[in-house]
Amino acid sequence: MTNERIYRMAFSAVYPLLVQKAERKGRSKSEVDAVICWLTGYDDSGLQGQIIKKVDYETFFCEAPQINPDAAKISGVICGYRVEEIKEPLMQKIRWLDKLVDELAKGKPLEKVLRS
C-alpha cells in the first residue's frame, strides 16, 4: 500500500479498527481515546469532531492541536518498520498511533503507553 493511499484513508474508517483491536484484548474505547488525545492534543470533542467530519489521516494529523513532545520516545517495530527510523513525518505519526494502540492491546499499563 502506498503512503499516499494511507494518507487518504478516512480516519473515521480506521478509528473503529483501533478500538476493536484494543477491545479484543480487554481494553476500552476510552483508553484508545486517551492514547489518541495524548499523541495529537485533541480533546474528546475535537477527536469526535474529526471522526464526524470524516477527515482523512493526513488532515487528522495536520489539524492536530499539538503532537506530544514525548512522542519522540515511542520506539519499536510496527508493521515491520522501526517507528523511530521512519523518515516521512506523517507516516511516522501514523505508525506512532499504531504502536501506542498495539502496546495498549498487549496489556501495557496506560501510564507506560503514554510515556509518563
PDB file of N, CA and C in Angstrom:
ATOM      1  N   MET A   1       0.855  -1.191   0.000  1.00  0.00           N
ATOM      2  CA  MET A   1       0.000   0.000   0.000  1.00  0.00           C
ATOM      3  C   MET A   1       0.892   1.242   0.000  1.00  0.00           C
ATOM      4  N   THR A   2       0.610   2.152  -0.900  1.00  0.00           N
ATOM      5  CA  THR A   2       1.430   3.360  -0.966  1.00  0.00           C
ATOM      6  C   THR A   2       1.095   4.303   0.185  1.00  0.00           C
ATOM      7  N   ASN A   3       2.078   5.117   0.543  1.00  0.00           N
ATOM      8  CA  ASN A   3       1.854   6.098   1.606  1.00  0.00           C
ATOM      9  C   ASN A   3       0.670   6.993   1.271  1.00  0.00           C
ATOM     10  N   GLU A   4       0.598   7.425   0.012  1.00  0.00           N
ATOM     11  CA  GLU A   4      -0.469   8.339  -0.416  1.00  0.00           C
ATOM     12  C   GLU A   4      -1.850   7.721  -0.156  1.00  0.00           C
ATOM     13  N   ARG A   5      -1.965   6.434  -0.409  1.00  0.00           N
ATOM     14  CA  ARG A   5      -3.244   5.755  -0.188  1.00  0.00           C
ATOM     15  C   ARG A   5      -3.584   5.729   1.306  1.00  0.00           C
ATOM     16  N   ILE A   6      -2.572   5.509   2.130  1.00  0.00           N
ATOM     17  CA  ILE A   6      -2.789   5.506   3.582  1.00  0.00           C
ATOM     18  C   ILE A   6      -3.205   6.899   4.041  1.00  0.00           C
ATOM     19  N   TYR A   7      -2.532   7.929   3.543  1.00  0.00           N
ATOM     20  CA  TYR A   7      -2.834   9.305   3.958  1.00  0.00           C
ATOM     21  C   TYR A   7      -4.264   9.702   3.613  1.00  0.00           C
ATOM     22  N   ARG A   8      -4.799   9.127   2.548  1.00  0.00           N
ATOM     23  CA  ARG A   8      -6.155   9.474   2.080  1.00  0.00           C
ATOM     24  C   ARG A   8      -7.250   8.649   2.775  1.00  0.00           C
ATOM     25  N   MET A   9      -6.854   7.648   3.547  1.00  0.00           N
ATOM     26  CA  MET A   9      -7.858   6.836   4.254  1.00  0.00           C
ATOM     27  C   MET A   9      -8.597   7.709   5.264  1.00  0.00           C
ATOM     28  N   ALA A  10      -9.886   7.525   5.356  1.00  0.00           N
ATOM     29  CA  ALA A  10     -10.679   8.295   6.325  1.00  0.00           C
ATOM     30  C   ALA A  10     -10.319   7.842   7.740  1.00  0.00           C
ATOM     31  N   PHE A  11      -9.978   8.802   8.582  1.00  0.00           N
ATOM     32  CA  PHE A  11      -9.679   8.449   9.971  1.00  0.00           C
ATOM     33  C   PHE A  11     -10.895   7.787  10.612  1.00  0.00           C
ATOM     34  N   SER A  12     -12.096   8.216  10.223  1.00  0.00           N
ATOM     35  CA  SER A  12     -13.322   7.631  10.774  1.00  0.00           C
ATOM     36  C   SER A  12     -13.459   6.145  10.421  1.00  0.00           C
ATOM     37  N   ALA A  13     -12.786   5.694   9.366  1.00  0.00           N
ATOM     38  CA  ALA A  13     -12.808   4.272   8.996  1.00  0.00           C
ATOM     39  C   ALA A  13     -11.769   3.490   9.788  1.00  0.00           C
ATOM     40  N   VAL A  14     -10.656   4.135  10.120  1.00  0.00           N
ATOM     41  CA  VAL A  14      -9.575   3.470  10.840  1.00  0.00           C
ATOM     42  C   VAL A  14      -9.870   3.406  12.344  1.00  0.00           C
ATOM     43  N   TYR A  15     -10.477   4.462  12.865  1.00  0.00           N
ATOM     44  CA  TYR A  15     -10.734   4.582  14.301  1.00  0.00           C
ATOM     45  C   TYR A  15     -11.441   3.358  14.898  1.00  0.00           C
ATOM     46  N   PRO A  16     -12.556   2.875  14.295  1.00  0.00           N
ATOM     47  CA  PRO A  16     -13.209   1.693  14.893  1.00  0.00           C
ATOM     48  C   PRO A  16     -12.297   0.463  14.915  1.00  0.00           C
ATOM     49  N   LEU A  17     -11.382   0.364  13.937  1.00  0.00           N
ATOM     50  CA  LEU A  17     -10.455  -0.773  13.901  1.00  0.00           C
ATOM     51  C   LEU A  17      -9.454  -0.676  15.059  1.00  0.00           C
ATOM     52  N   LEU A  18      -9.014   0.534  15.359  1.00  0.00           N
ATOM     53  CA  LEU A  18      -8.116   0.730  16.500  1.00  0.00           C
ATOM     54  C   LEU A  18      -8.821   0.350  17.801  1.00  0.00           C
ATOM     55  N   VAL A  19     -10.076   0.788  17.928  1.00  0.00           N
ATOM     56  CA  VAL A  19     -10.860   0.477  19.134  1.00  0.00           C
ATOM     57  C   VAL A  19     -11.086  -1.036  19.241  1.00  0.00           C
ATOM     58  N   GLN A  20     -11.451  -1.677  18.120  1.00  0.00           N
ATOM     59  CA  GLN A  20     -11.683  -3.131  18.137  1.00  0.00           C
ATOM     60  C   GLN A  20     -10.434  -3.888  18.547  1.00  0.00           C
ATOM     61  N   LYS A  21      -9.285  -3.472  18.022  1.00  0.00           N
ATOM     62  CA  LYS A  21      -8.027  -4.142  18.339  1.00  0.00           C
ATOM     63  C   LYS A  21      -7.791  -4.116  19.845  1.00  0.00           C
ATOM     64  N   ALA A  22      -8.028  -2.972  20.461  1.00  0.00           N
ATOM     65  CA  ALA A  22      -7.835  -2.830  21.907  1.00  0.00           C
ATOM     66  C   ALA A  22      -8.904  -3.599  22.689  1.00  0.00           C
ATOM     67  N   GLU A  23     -10.159  -3.493  22.253  1.00  0.00           N
ATOM     68  CA  GLU A  23     -11.256  -4.156  22.978  1.00  0.00           C
ATOM     69  C   GLU A  23     -11.138  -5.675  22.944  1.00  0.00           C
ATOM     70  N   ARG A  24     -10.630  -6.219  21.825  1.00  0.00           N
ATOM     71  CA  ARG A  24     -10.429  -7.676  21.745  1.00  0.00           C
ATOM     72  C   ARG A  24      -9.489  -8.159  22.842  1.00  0.00           C
ATOM     73  N   LYS A  25      -8.614  -7.274  23.300  1.00  0.00           N
ATOM     74  CA  LYS A  25      -7.642  -7.635  24.334  1.00  0.00           C
ATOM     75  C   LYS A  25      -8.046  -7.099  25.710  1.00  0.00           C
ATOM     76  N   GLY A  26      -9.326  -6.740  25.844  1.00  0.00           N
ATOM     77  CA  GLY A  26      -9.828  -6.336  27.153  1.00  0.00           C
ATOM     78  C   GLY A  26      -9.582  -4.873  27.513  1.00  0.00           C
ATOM     79  N   ARG A  27      -9.187  -4.056  26.540  1.00  0.00           N
ATOM     80  CA  ARG A  27      -9.002  -2.632  26.808  1.00  0.00           C
ATOM     81  C   ARG A  27     -10.259  -1.889  26.363  1.00  0.00           C
ATOM     82  N   SER A  28     -10.341  -0.610  26.704  1.00  0.00           N
ATOM     83  CA  SER A  28     -11.580   0.126  26.438  1.00  0.00           C
ATOM     84  C   SER A  28     -11.404   1.211  25.373  1.00  0.00           C
ATOM     85  N   LYS A  29     -12.534   1.626  24.812  1.00  0.00           N
ATOM     86  CA  LYS A  29     -12.566   2.722  23.847  1.00  0.00           C
ATOM     87  C   LYS A  29     -11.998   3.979  24.501  1.00  0.00           C
ATOM     88  N   SER A  30     -12.320   4.204  25.771  1.00  0.00           N
ATOM     89  CA  SER A  30     -11.828   5.419  26.441  1.00  0.00           C
ATOM     90  C   SER A  30     -10.303   5.399  26.570  1.00  0.00           C
ATOM     91  N   GLU A  31      -9.710   4.205  26.708  1.00  0.00           N
ATOM     92  CA  GLU A  31      -8.242   4.115  26.748  1.00  0.00           C
ATOM     93  C   GLU A  31      -7.648   4.428  25.371  1.00  0.00           C
ATOM     94  N   VAL A  32      -8.297   3.959  24.314  1.00  0.00           N
ATOM     95  CA  VAL A  32      -7.837   4.274  22.956  1.00  0.00           C
ATOM     96  C   VAL A  32      -7.950   5.785  22.736  1.00  0.00           C
ATOM     97  N   ASP A  33      -9.062   6.371  23.154  1.00  0.00           N
ATOM     98  CA  ASP A  33      -9.247   7.821  23.021  1.00  0.00           C
ATOM     99  C   ASP A  33      -8.162   8.568  23.795  1.00  0.00           C
ATOM    100  N   ALA A  34      -7.827   8.084  24.992  1.00  0.00           N
ATOM    101  CA  ALA A  34      -6.788   8.725  25.807  1.00  0.00           C
ATOM    102  C   ALA A  34      -5.447   8.703  25.076  1.00  0.00           C
ATOM    103  N   VAL A  35      -5.138   7.573  24.430  1.00  0.00           N
ATOM    104  CA  VAL A  35      -3.893   7.439  23.673  1.00  0.00           C
ATOM    105  C   VAL A  35      -3.887   8.422  22.495  1.00  0.00           C
ATOM    106  N   ILE A  36      -4.998   8.474  21.753  1.00  0.00           N
ATOM    107  CA  ILE A  36      -5.083   9.364  20.592  1.00  0.00           C
ATOM    108  C   ILE A  36      -4.957  10.823  21.037  1.00  0.00           C
ATOM    109  N   CYS A  37      -5.654  11.183  22.105  1.00  0.00           N
ATOM    110  CA  CYS A  37      -5.615  12.565  22.594  1.00  0.00           C
ATOM    111  C   CYS A  37      -4.222  12.923  23.123  1.00  0.00           C
ATOM    112  N   TRP A  38      -3.571  11.975  23.787  1.00  0.00           N
ATOM    113  CA  TRP A  38      -2.208  12.206  24.279  1.00  0.00           C
ATOM    114  C   TRP A  38      -1.269  12.504  23.107  1.00  0.00           C
ATOM    115  N   LEU A  39      -1.369  11.697  22.061  1.00  0.00           N
ATOM    116  CA  LEU A  39      -0.477  11.843  20.910  1.00  0.00           C
ATOM    117  C   LEU A  39      -0.740  13.138  20.133  1.00  0.00           C
ATOM    118  N   THR A  40      -2.006  13.470  19.937  1.00  0.00           N
ATOM    119  CA  THR A  40      -2.377  14.533  18.993  1.00  0.00           C
ATOM    120  C   THR A  40      -2.725  15.872  19.626  1.00  0.00           C
ATOM    121  N   GLY A  41      -3.076  15.872  20.907  1.00  0.00           N
ATOM    122  CA  GLY A  41      -3.505  17.109  21.541  1.00  0.00           C
ATOM    123  C   GLY A  41      -4.988  17.404  21.367  1.00  0.00           C
ATOM    124  N   TYR A  42      -5.703  16.552  20.627  1.00  0.00           N
ATOM    125  CA  TYR A  42      -7.159  16.735  20.547  1.00  0.00           C
ATOM    126  C   TYR A  42      -7.749  16.489  21.917  1.00  0.00           C
ATOM    127  N   ASP A  43      -8.852  17.172  22.231  1.00  0.00           N
ATOM    128  CA  ASP A  43      -9.636  16.783  23.394  1.00  0.00           C
ATOM    129  C   ASP A  43     -10.742  15.863  22.864  1.00  0.00           C
ATOM    130  N   ASP A  44     -11.573  15.336  23.770  1.00  0.00           N
ATOM    131  CA  ASP A  44     -12.597  14.373  23.330  1.00  0.00           C
ATOM    132  C   ASP A  44     -13.507  14.952  22.248  1.00  0.00           C
ATOM    133  N   SER A  45     -13.949  16.203  22.424  1.00  0.00           N
ATOM    134  CA  SER A  45     -14.873  16.764  21.428  1.00  0.00           C
ATOM    135  C   SER A  45     -14.149  17.024  20.104  1.00  0.00           C
ATOM    136  N   GLY A  46     -12.875  17.417  20.165  1.00  0.00           N
ATOM    137  CA  GLY A  46     -12.107  17.615  18.937  1.00  0.00           C
ATOM    138  C   GLY A  46     -11.913  16.314  18.182  1.00  0.00           C
ATOM    139  N   LEU A  47     -11.630  15.248  18.932  1.00  0.00           N
ATOM    140  CA  LEU A  47     -11.469  13.920  18.326  1.00  0.00           C
ATOM    141  C   LEU A  47     -12.779  13.494  17.666  1.00  0.00           C
ATOM    142  N   GLN A  48     -13.880  13.613  18.391  1.00  0.00           N
ATOM    143  CA  GLN A  48     -15.186  13.225  17.831  1.00  0.00           C
ATOM    144  C   GLN A  48     -15.534  14.074  16.614  1.00  0.00           C
ATOM    145  N   GLY A  49     -15.181  15.355  16.665  1.00  0.00           N
ATOM    146  CA  GLY A  49     -15.445  16.247  15.531  1.00  0.00           C
ATOM    147  C   GLY A  49     -14.733  15.783  14.273  1.00  0.00           C
ATOM    148  N   GLN A  50     -13.477  15.345  14.409  1.00  0.00           N
ATOM    149  CA  GLN A  50     -12.715  14.865  13.256  1.00  0.00           C
ATOM    150  C   GLN A  50     -13.337  13.578  12.704  1.00  0.00           C
ATOM    151  N   ILE A  51     -13.827  12.737  13.598  1.00  0.00           N
ATOM    152  CA  ILE A  51     -14.480  11.488  13.169  1.00  0.00           C
ATOM    153  C   ILE A  51     -15.766  11.815  12.410  1.00  0.00           C
ATOM    154  N   ILE A  52     -16.550  12.729  12.949  1.00  0.00           N
ATOM    155  CA  ILE A  52     -17.822  13.119  12.313  1.00  0.00           C
ATOM    156  C   ILE A  52     -17.580  13.753  10.942  1.00  0.00           C
ATOM    157  N   LYS A  53     -16.525  14.569  10.828  1.00  0.00           N
ATOM    158  CA  LYS A  53     -16.213  15.239   9.554  1.00  0.00           C
ATOM    159  C   LYS A  53     -15.614  14.280   8.532  1.00  0.00           C
ATOM    160  N   LYS A  54     -15.282  13.057   8.969  1.00  0.00           N
ATOM    161  CA  LYS A  54     -14.709  12.047   8.073  1.00  0.00           C
ATOM    162  C   LYS A  54     -13.431  12.543   7.383  1.00  0.00           C
ATOM    163  N   VAL A  55     -12.574  13.213   8.163  1.00  0.00           N
ATOM    164  CA  VAL A  55     -11.304  13.691   7.593  1.00  0.00           C
ATOM    165  C   VAL A  55     -10.390  12.511   7.299  1.00  0.00           C
ATOM    166  N   ASP A  56      -9.471  12.714   6.351  1.00  0.00           N
ATOM    167  CA  ASP A  56      -8.501  11.660   6.067  1.00  0.00           C
ATOM    168  C   ASP A  56      -7.373  11.718   7.096  1.00  0.00           C
ATOM    169  N   TYR A  57      -6.527  10.695   7.077  1.00  0.00           N
ATOM    170  CA  TYR A  57      -5.421  10.592   8.037  1.00  0.00           C
ATOM    171  C   TYR A  57      -4.537  11.844   7.991  1.00  0.00           C
ATOM    172  N   GLU A  58      -4.237  12.305   6.754  1.00  0.00           N
ATOM    173  CA  GLU A  58      -3.358  13.463   6.606  1.00  0.00           C
ATOM    174  C   GLU A  58      -3.961  14.686   7.290  1.00  0.00           C
ATOM    175  N   THR A  59      -5.232  14.956   7.040  1.00  0.00           N
ATOM    176  CA  THR A  59      -5.910  16.103   7.655  1.00  0.00           C
ATOM    177  C   THR A  59      -5.979  15.926   9.167  1.00  0.00           C
ATOM    178  N   PHE A  60      -6.267  14.703   9.605  1.00  0.00           N
ATOM    179  CA  PHE A  60      -6.365  14.424  11.039  1.00  0.00           C
ATOM    180  C   PHE A  60      -5.080  14.842  11.751  1.00  0.00           C
ATOM    181  N   PHE A  61      -3.939  14.464  11.203  1.00  0.00           N
ATOM    182  CA  PHE A  61      -2.673  14.814  11.847  1.00  0.00           C
ATOM    183  C   PHE A  61      -2.268  16.265  11.582  1.00  0.00           C
ATOM    184  N   CYS A  62      -2.573  16.803  10.387  1.00  0.00           N
ATOM    185  CA  CYS A  62      -2.235  18.209  10.091  1.00  0.00           C
ATOM    186  C   CYS A  62      -3.012  19.162  10.992  1.00  0.00           C
ATOM    187  N   GLU A  63      -4.249  18.798  11.334  1.00  0.00           N
ATOM    188  CA  GLU A  63      -5.086  19.657  12.175  1.00  0.00           C
ATOM    189  C   GLU A  63      -4.932  19.354  13.671  1.00  0.00           C
ATOM    190  N   ALA A  64      -4.101  18.378  13.999  1.00  0.00           N
ATOM    191  CA  ALA A  64      -3.892  18.034  15.414  1.00  0.00           C
ATOM    192  C   ALA A  64      -3.372  19.261  16.158  1.00  0.00           C
ATOM    193  N   PRO A  65      -3.975  19.575  17.307  1.00  0.00           N
ATOM    194  CA  PRO A  65      -3.566  20.773  18.040  1.00  0.00           C
ATOM    195  C   PRO A  65      -2.082  20.779  18.421  1.00  0.00           C
ATOM    196  N   GLN A  66      -1.545  19.640  18.841  1.00  0.00           N
ATOM    197  CA  GLN A  66      -0.156  19.608  19.318  1.00  0.00           C
ATOM    198  C   GLN A  66       0.296  18.162  19.419  1.00  0.00           C
ATOM    199  N   ILE A  67       1.231  17.760  18.567  1.00  0.00           N
ATOM    200  CA  ILE A  67       1.792  16.414  18.705  1.00  0.00           C
ATOM    201  C   ILE A  67       2.606  16.408  19.997  1.00  0.00           C
ATOM    202  N   ASN A  68       2.373  15.426  20.827  1.00  0.00           N
ATOM    203  CA  ASN A  68       3.036  15.364  22.137  1.00  0.00           C
ATOM    204  C   ASN A  68       4.554  15.319  21.954  1.00  0.00           C
ATOM    205  N   PRO A  69       5.270  16.204  22.661  1.00  0.00           N
ATOM    206  CA  PRO A  69       6.732  16.200  22.531  1.00  0.00           C
ATOM    207  C   PRO A  69       7.356  14.853  22.946  1.00  0.00           C
ATOM    208  N   ASP A  70       6.681  14.115  23.827  1.00  0.00           N
ATOM    209  CA  ASP A  70       7.178  12.809  24.245  1.00  0.00           C
ATOM    210  C   ASP A  70       6.959  11.720  23.196  1.00  0.00           C
ATOM    211  N   ALA A  71       6.279  12.052  22.099  1.00  0.00           N
ATOM    212  CA  ALA A  71       6.069  11.068  21.032  1.00  0.00           C
ATOM    213  C   ALA A  71       7.411  10.580  20.481  1.00  0.00           C
ATOM    214  N   ALA A  72       8.427  11.419  20.564  1.00  0.00           N
ATOM    215  CA  ALA A  72       9.753  11.023  20.077  1.00  0.00           C
ATOM    216  C   ALA A  72      10.317   9.844  20.874  1.00  0.00           C
ATOM    217  N   LYS A  73       9.757   9.574  22.056  1.00  0.00           N
ATOM    218  CA  LYS A  73      10.202   8.442  22.878  1.00  0.00           C
ATOM    219  C   LYS A  73       9.588   7.114  22.424  1.00  0.00           C
ATOM    220  N   ILE A  74       8.625   7.176  21.508  1.00  0.00           N
ATOM    221  CA  ILE A  74       7.978   5.949  21.023  1.00  0.00           C
ATOM    222  C   ILE A  74       8.971   5.212  20.130  1.00  0.00           C
ATOM    223  N   SER A  75       9.211   3.939  20.466  1.00  0.00           N
ATOM    224  CA  SER A  75      10.147   3.158  19.660  1.00  0.00           C
ATOM    225  C   SER A  75       9.634   1.730  19.550  1.00  0.00           C
ATOM    226  N   GLY A  76      10.248   0.998  18.641  1.00  0.00           N
ATOM    227  CA  GLY A  76       9.858  -0.393  18.449  1.00  0.00           C
ATOM    228  C   GLY A  76       9.394  -0.630  17.031  1.00  0.00           C
ATOM    229  N   VAL A  77       8.953  -1.864  16.786  1.00  0.00           N
ATOM    230  CA  VAL A  77       8.577  -2.265  15.436  1.00  0.00           C
ATOM    231  C   VAL A  77       7.061  -2.363  15.327  1.00  0.00           C
ATOM    232  N   ILE A  78       6.533  -1.786  14.246  1.00  0.00           N
ATOM    233  CA  ILE A  78       5.112  -1.940  13.919  1.00  0.00           C
ATOM    234  C   ILE A  78       5.028  -2.110  12.403  1.00  0.00           C
ATOM    235  N   CYS A  79       4.280  -3.095  11.962  1.00  0.00           N
ATOM    236  CA  CYS A  79       4.140  -3.383  10.524  1.00  0.00           C
ATOM    237  C   CYS A  79       5.500  -3.566   9.850  1.00  0.00           C
ATOM    238  N   GLY A  80       6.452  -4.118  10.587  1.00  0.00           N
ATOM    239  CA  GLY A  80       7.753  -4.404  10.017  1.00  0.00           C
ATOM    240  C   GLY A  80       8.720  -3.222   9.956  1.00  0.00           C
ATOM    241  N   TYR A  81       8.313  -2.083  10.492  1.00  0.00           N
ATOM    242  CA  TYR A  81       9.176  -0.893  10.461  1.00  0.00           C
ATOM    243  C   TYR A  81       9.509  -0.448  11.874  1.00  0.00           C
ATOM    244  N   ARG A  82      10.737  -0.010  12.105  1.00  0.00           N
ATOM    245  CA  ARG A  82      11.116   0.613  13.384  1.00  0.00           C
ATOM    246  C   ARG A  82      10.572   2.030  13.352  1.00  0.00           C
ATOM    247  N   VAL A  83       9.644   2.345  14.248  1.00  0.00           N
ATOM    248  CA  VAL A  83       8.971   3.652  14.181  1.00  0.00           C
ATOM    249  C   VAL A  83       9.941   4.815  14.331  1.00  0.00           C
ATOM    250  N   GLU A  84      11.008   4.620  15.096  1.00  0.00           N
ATOM    251  CA  GLU A  84      11.950   5.718  15.313  1.00  0.00           C
ATOM    252  C   GLU A  84      12.827   5.992  14.080  1.00  0.00           C
ATOM    253  N   GLU A  85      12.799   5.091  13.101  1.00  0.00           N
ATOM    254  CA  GLU A  85      13.623   5.257  11.892  1.00  0.00           C
ATOM    255  C   GLU A  85      12.824   5.723  10.677  1.00  0.00           C
ATOM    256  N   ILE A  86      11.510   5.898  10.823  1.00  0.00           N
ATOM    257  CA  ILE A  86      10.680   6.325   9.693  1.00  0.00           C
ATOM    258  C   ILE A  86      10.978   7.799   9.397  1.00  0.00           C
ATOM    259  N   LYS A  87      11.366   8.073   8.163  1.00  0.00           N
ATOM    260  CA  LYS A  87      11.793   9.426   7.775  1.00  0.00           C
ATOM    261  C   LYS A  87      10.619  10.351   7.425  1.00  0.00           C
ATOM    262  N   GLU A  88       9.575   9.811   6.831  1.00  0.00           N
ATOM    263  CA  GLU A  88       8.417  10.606   6.407  1.00  0.00           C
ATOM    264  C   GLU A  88       7.607  11.005   7.660  1.00  0.00           C
ATOM    265  N   PRO A  89       7.531  12.308   7.992  1.00  0.00           N
ATOM    266  CA  PRO A  89       6.897  12.736   9.251  1.00  0.00           C
ATOM    267  C   PRO A  89       5.441  12.265   9.435  1.00  0.00           C
ATOM    268  N   LEU A  90       4.631  12.355   8.390  1.00  0.00           N
ATOM    269  CA  LEU A  90       3.234  11.937   8.523  1.00  0.00           C
ATOM    270  C   LEU A  90       3.136  10.430   8.764  1.00  0.00           C
ATOM    271  N   MET A  91       3.914   9.651   8.012  1.00  0.00           N
ATOM    272  CA  MET A  91       3.886   8.195   8.206  1.00  0.00           C
ATOM    273  C   MET A  91       4.371   7.853   9.610  1.00  0.00           C
ATOM    274  N   GLN A  92       5.353   8.566  10.106  1.00  0.00           N
ATOM    275  CA  GLN A  92       5.840   8.305  11.458  1.00  0.00           C
ATOM    276  C   GLN A  92       4.727   8.539  12.479  1.00  0.00           C
ATOM    277  N   LYS A  93       3.957   9.608  12.316  1.00  0.00           N
ATOM    278  CA  LYS A  93       2.846   9.887  13.247  1.00  0.00           C
ATOM    279  C   LYS A  93       1.800   8.771  13.193  1.00  0.00           C
ATOM    280  N   ILE A  94       1.489   8.309  11.988  1.00  0.00           N
ATOM    281  CA  ILE A  94       0.513   7.221  11.823  1.00  0.00           C
ATOM    282  C   ILE A  94       1.025   5.958  12.515  1.00  0.00           C
ATOM    283  N   ARG A  95       2.300   5.650  12.312  1.00  0.00           N
ATOM    284  CA  ARG A  95       2.882   4.444  12.933  1.00  0.00           C
ATOM    285  C   ARG A  95       3.014   4.608  14.446  1.00  0.00           C
ATOM    286  N   TRP A  96       3.264   5.836  14.923  1.00  0.00           N
ATOM    287  CA  TRP A  96       3.262   6.070  16.374  1.00  0.00           C
ATOM    288  C   TRP A  96       1.908   5.679  16.953  1.00  0.00           C
ATOM    289  N   LEU A  97       0.843   6.125  16.288  1.00  0.00           N
ATOM    290  CA  LEU A  97      -0.505   5.806  16.771  1.00  0.00           C
ATOM    291  C   LEU A  97      -0.725   4.297  16.759  1.00  0.00           C
ATOM    292  N   ASP A  98      -0.327   3.625  15.666  1.00  0.00           N
ATOM    293  CA  ASP A  98      -0.444   2.162  15.595  1.00  0.00           C
ATOM    294  C   ASP A  98       0.302   1.514  16.758  1.00  0.00           C
ATOM    295  N   LYS A  99       1.512   1.999  17.012  1.00  0.00           N
ATOM    296  CA  LYS A  99       2.367   1.414  18.048  1.00  0.00           C
ATOM    297  C   LYS A  99       1.745   1.598  19.434  1.00  0.00           C
ATOM    298  N   LEU A 100       1.199   2.778  19.701  1.00  0.00           N
ATOM    299  CA  LEU A 100       0.578   3.033  21.009  1.00  0.00           C
ATOM    300  C   LEU A 100      -0.630   2.119  21.239  1.00  0.00           C
ATOM    301  N   VAL A 101      -1.472   1.982  20.222  1.00  0.00           N
ATOM    302  CA  VAL A 101      -2.649   1.110  20.352  1.00  0.00           C
ATOM    303  C   VAL A 101      -2.197  -0.347  20.488  1.00  0.00           C
ATOM    304  N   ASP A 102      -1.145  -0.721  19.773  1.00  0.00           N
ATOM    305  CA  ASP A 102      -0.587  -2.064  19.871  1.00  0.00           C
ATOM    306  C   ASP A 102      -0.103  -2.350  21.300  1.00  0.00           C
ATOM    307  N   GLU A 103       0.618  -1.401  21.876  1.00  0.00           N
ATOM    308  CA  GLU A 103       1.104  -1.572  23.253  1.00  0.00           C
ATOM    309  C   GLU A 103      -0.059  -1.685  24.229  1.00  0.00           C
ATOM    310  N   LEU A 104      -1.085  -0.875  24.021  1.00  0.00           N
ATOM    311  CA  LEU A 104      -2.284  -0.931  24.863  1.00  0.00           C
ATOM    312  C   LEU A 104      -2.908  -2.322  24.756  1.00  0.00           C
ATOM    313  N   ALA A 105      -3.060  -2.812  23.518  1.00  0.00           N
ATOM    314  CA  ALA A 105      -3.670  -4.127  23.283  1.00  0.00           C
ATOM    315  C   ALA A 105      -2.821  -5.251  23.881  1.00  0.00           C
ATOM    316  N   LYS A 106      -1.518  -5.036  23.974  1.00  0.00           N
ATOM    317  CA  LYS A 106      -0.642  -6.072  24.536  1.00  0.00           C
ATOM    318  C   LYS A 106      -0.609  -6.029  26.060  1.00  0.00           C
ATOM    319  N   GLY A 107      -1.418  -5.152  26.655  1.00  0.00           N
ATOM    320  CA  GLY A 107      -1.560  -5.157  28.101  1.00  0.00           C
ATOM    321  C   GLY A 107      -0.657  -4.210  28.867  1.00  0.00           C
ATOM    322  N   LYS A 108       0.075  -3.363  28.163  1.00  0.00           N
ATOM    323  CA  LYS A 108       0.930  -2.394  28.852  1.00  0.00           C
ATOM    324  C   LYS A 108       0.041  -1.425  29.647  1.00  0.00           C
ATOM    325  N   PRO A 109       0.440  -1.067  30.866  1.00  0.00           N
ATOM    326  CA  PRO A 109      -0.340  -0.080  31.622  1.00  0.00           C
ATOM    327  C   PRO A 109      -0.407   1.244  30.857  1.00  0.00           C
ATOM    328  N   LEU A 110      -1.557   1.923  30.944  1.00  0.00           N
ATOM    329  CA  LEU A 110      -1.777   3.167  30.208  1.00  0.00           C
ATOM    330  C   LEU A 110      -0.683   4.189  30.495  1.00  0.00           C
ATOM    331  N   GLU A 111      -0.225   4.280  31.759  1.00  0.00           N
ATOM    332  CA  GLU A 111       0.821   5.260  32.110  1.00  0.00           C
ATOM    333  C   GLU A 111       2.096   4.993  31.295  1.00  0.00           C
ATOM    334  N   LYS A 112       2.430   3.721  31.109  1.00  0.00           N
ATOM    335  CA  LYS A 112       3.626   3.367  30.329  1.00  0.00           C
ATOM    336  C   LYS A 112       3.420   3.653  28.843  1.00  0.00           C
ATOM    337  N   VAL A 113       2.225   3.334  28.334  1.00  0.00           N
ATOM    338  CA  VAL A 113       1.926   3.606  26.932  1.00  0.00           C
ATOM    339  C   VAL A 113       2.065   5.108  26.666  1.00  0.00           C
ATOM    340  N   LEU A 114       1.636   5.919  27.635  1.00  0.00           N
ATOM    341  CA  LEU A 114       1.675   7.371  27.479  1.00  0.00           C
ATOM    342  C   LEU A 114       3.016   7.977  27.874  1.00  0.00           C
ATOM    343  N   ARG A 115       4.019   7.123  28.036  1.00  0.00           N
ATOM    344  CA  ARG A 115       5.390   7.558  28.292  1.00  0.00           C
ATOM    345  C   ARG A 115       5.496   8.495  29.500  1.00  0.00           C
ATOM    346  N   SER A 116       4.676   8.200  30.562  1.00  0.00           N
ATOM    347  CA  SER A 116       4.760   9.074  31.741  1.00  0.00           C
ATOM    348  C   SER A 116       5.648   8.476  32.815  1.00  0.00           C
TER     349      SER A 116
END
